Amino acid sequence: MYKHIAEAFVPVGHAQCVVEQLCTKCCGYCLSVAIAGADKLLTFEDARAILRPADAGLQMRVEGRNLVVFCGVRSLLQGHLTTVATVQGTAVEWHPAGRVPFKTDGPLS
């Protein structure tokens, strides 16, 4: 079970292509990359990331057992994201998340 969980939505064009490029850039740091439907699952030693393309952008979820690895995976994704896509706005905003990935029961506050 993961102790630290956060999600972010990033408005980007061609989200499926961005997901593929992110996986290519990050695969050297992962233990594995798997596909589950439209999602890409990146597994790290003590964390995992889920990348899901959406119509208006990219949904990202990071789950980690300890804070250091959790923050490291978030930084890895954000750093590579800026090399493969033009990110609108100034920063990626991460929000605490529940156990259900990408639960859509209203806007994030």
Protein backbone atom coordinates (compact mmCIF):
# COMPACT_ATOMS: atom_id res chain seq x y z
CA MET A 1 0.00 0.00 0.00
CA TYR A 2 1.26 3.45 -0.88
CA LYS A 3 1.37 6.15 1.79
CA HIS A 4 1.87 9.21 -0.45
CA ILE A 5 -0.52 9.75 -3.38
CA ALA A 6 -0.99 12.78 -5.63
CA GLU A 7 -2.51 13.57 -9.00
CA ALA A 8 -2.07 16.33 -11.53
CA PHE A 9 -3.77 17.33 -14.76
CA VAL A 10 -1.66 19.06 -17.38
CA PRO A 11 -3.29 20.64 -20.43
CA VAL A 12 -1.18 19.53 -23.41
CA GLY A 13 -1.88 18.81 -27.04
CA HIS A 14 -1.51 15.28 -28.44
CA ALA A 15 -1.60 13.69 -24.97
CA GLN A 16 -1.15 10.12 -26.25
CA CYS A 17 2.09 11.11 -27.97
CA VAL A 18 3.25 12.93 -24.84
CA VAL A 19 2.60 9.78 -22.76
CA GLU A 20 4.67 7.68 -25.17
CA GLN A 21 7.54 10.15 -25.12
CA LEU A 22 7.46 10.40 -21.30
CA CYS A 23 7.63 6.62 -21.02
CA THR A 24 10.60 6.54 -23.39
CA LYS A 25 12.42 9.21 -21.40
CA CYS A 26 11.67 7.62 -18.00
CA CYS A 27 12.10 3.93 -18.85
CA GLY A 28 15.75 3.95 -17.76
CA TYR A 29 14.66 4.83 -14.22
CA CYS A 30 11.75 2.33 -14.04
CA LEU A 31 11.67 -1.31 -13.12
CA SER A 32 8.91 -1.79 -15.71
CA VAL A 33 6.43 -0.04 -17.96
CA ALA A 34 3.06 -1.73 -18.47
CA ILE A 35 -0.14 -0.93 -20.34
CA ALA A 36 -3.61 -1.11 -18.77
CA GLY A 37 -6.20 0.13 -21.25
CA ALA A 38 -5.26 3.71 -22.12
CA ASP A 39 -3.01 3.99 -19.03
CA LYS A 40 0.74 3.54 -18.89
CA LEU A 41 1.97 2.20 -15.54
CA LEU A 42 5.55 3.00 -14.60
CA THR A 43 6.83 0.92 -11.70
CA PHE A 44 9.75 2.12 -9.60
CA GLU A 45 11.39 0.49 -6.57
CA ASP A 46 9.12 2.08 -3.95
CA ALA A 47 6.66 3.97 -6.15
CA ARG A 48 4.58 3.88 -9.26
CA ALA A 49 3.17 6.40 -11.72
CA ILE A 50 0.08 6.20 -13.88
CA LEU A 51 -0.08 8.30 -17.04
CA ARG A 52 -3.46 8.66 -18.72
CA PRO A 53 -4.07 10.67 -21.88
CA ALA A 54 -7.29 12.68 -21.89
CA ASP A 55 -9.06 14.78 -24.50
CA ALA A 56 -7.80 18.05 -23.04
CA GLY A 57 -4.43 16.92 -21.71
CA LEU A 58 -2.54 14.48 -19.53
CA GLN A 59 -3.54 13.03 -16.17
CA MET A 60 -0.67 11.90 -13.93
CA ARG A 61 -0.81 9.99 -10.65
CA VAL A 62 2.16 9.18 -8.43
CA GLU A 63 2.01 6.78 -5.49
CA GLY A 64 4.98 6.23 -3.18
CA ARG A 65 5.85 4.29 -0.06
CA ASN A 66 8.22 6.98 1.22
CA LEU A 67 8.33 10.72 0.71
CA VAL A 68 11.77 10.86 -0.91
CA VAL A 69 10.95 8.43 -3.72
CA PHE A 70 7.45 9.92 -4.13
CA CYS A 71 8.89 13.42 -4.63
CA GLY A 72 11.64 12.05 -6.86
CA VAL A 73 9.18 10.40 -9.24
CA ARG A 74 7.10 13.58 -9.41
CA SER A 75 10.22 15.60 -10.20
CA LEU A 76 11.31 13.08 -12.83
CA LEU A 77 7.95 13.28 -14.60
CA GLN A 78 7.78 17.08 -14.42
CA GLY A 79 11.35 17.49 -15.66
CA HIS A 80 10.86 15.21 -18.65
CA LEU A 81 7.42 16.65 -19.37
CA THR A 82 8.95 20.03 -20.12
CA THR A 83 11.28 18.40 -22.67
CA VAL A 84 8.51 16.63 -24.61
CA ALA A 85 5.59 19.09 -24.46
CA THR A 86 4.74 22.74 -24.14
CA VAL A 87 3.13 23.07 -20.73
CA GLN A 88 0.59 25.87 -20.46
CA GLY A 89 0.87 27.88 -17.25
CA THR A 90 3.76 28.20 -14.86
CA ALA A 91 3.78 24.93 -12.95
CA VAL A 92 2.25 21.50 -12.64
CA GLU A 93 -0.11 21.50 -9.66
CA TRP A 94 -0.20 18.25 -7.69
CA HIS A 95 -3.19 17.53 -5.47
CA PRO A 96 -3.58 14.88 -2.76
CA ALA A 97 -5.56 11.93 -4.09
CA GLY A 98 -7.57 9.05 -2.71
CA ARG A 99 -7.23 5.35 -3.36
CA VAL A 100 -9.25 5.41 -6.61
CA PRO A 101 -7.15 6.72 -9.52
CA PHE A 102 -8.47 9.81 -11.28
CA LYS A 103 -11.75 9.88 -9.41
CA THR A 104 -13.88 12.54 -11.05
CA ASP A 105 -16.44 13.71 -8.53
CA GLY A 106 -15.95 17.41 -9.12
CA PRO A 107 -13.23 19.99 -9.65
CA LEU A 108 -10.08 19.96 -7.56
CA SER A 109 -10.01 22.70 -4.96
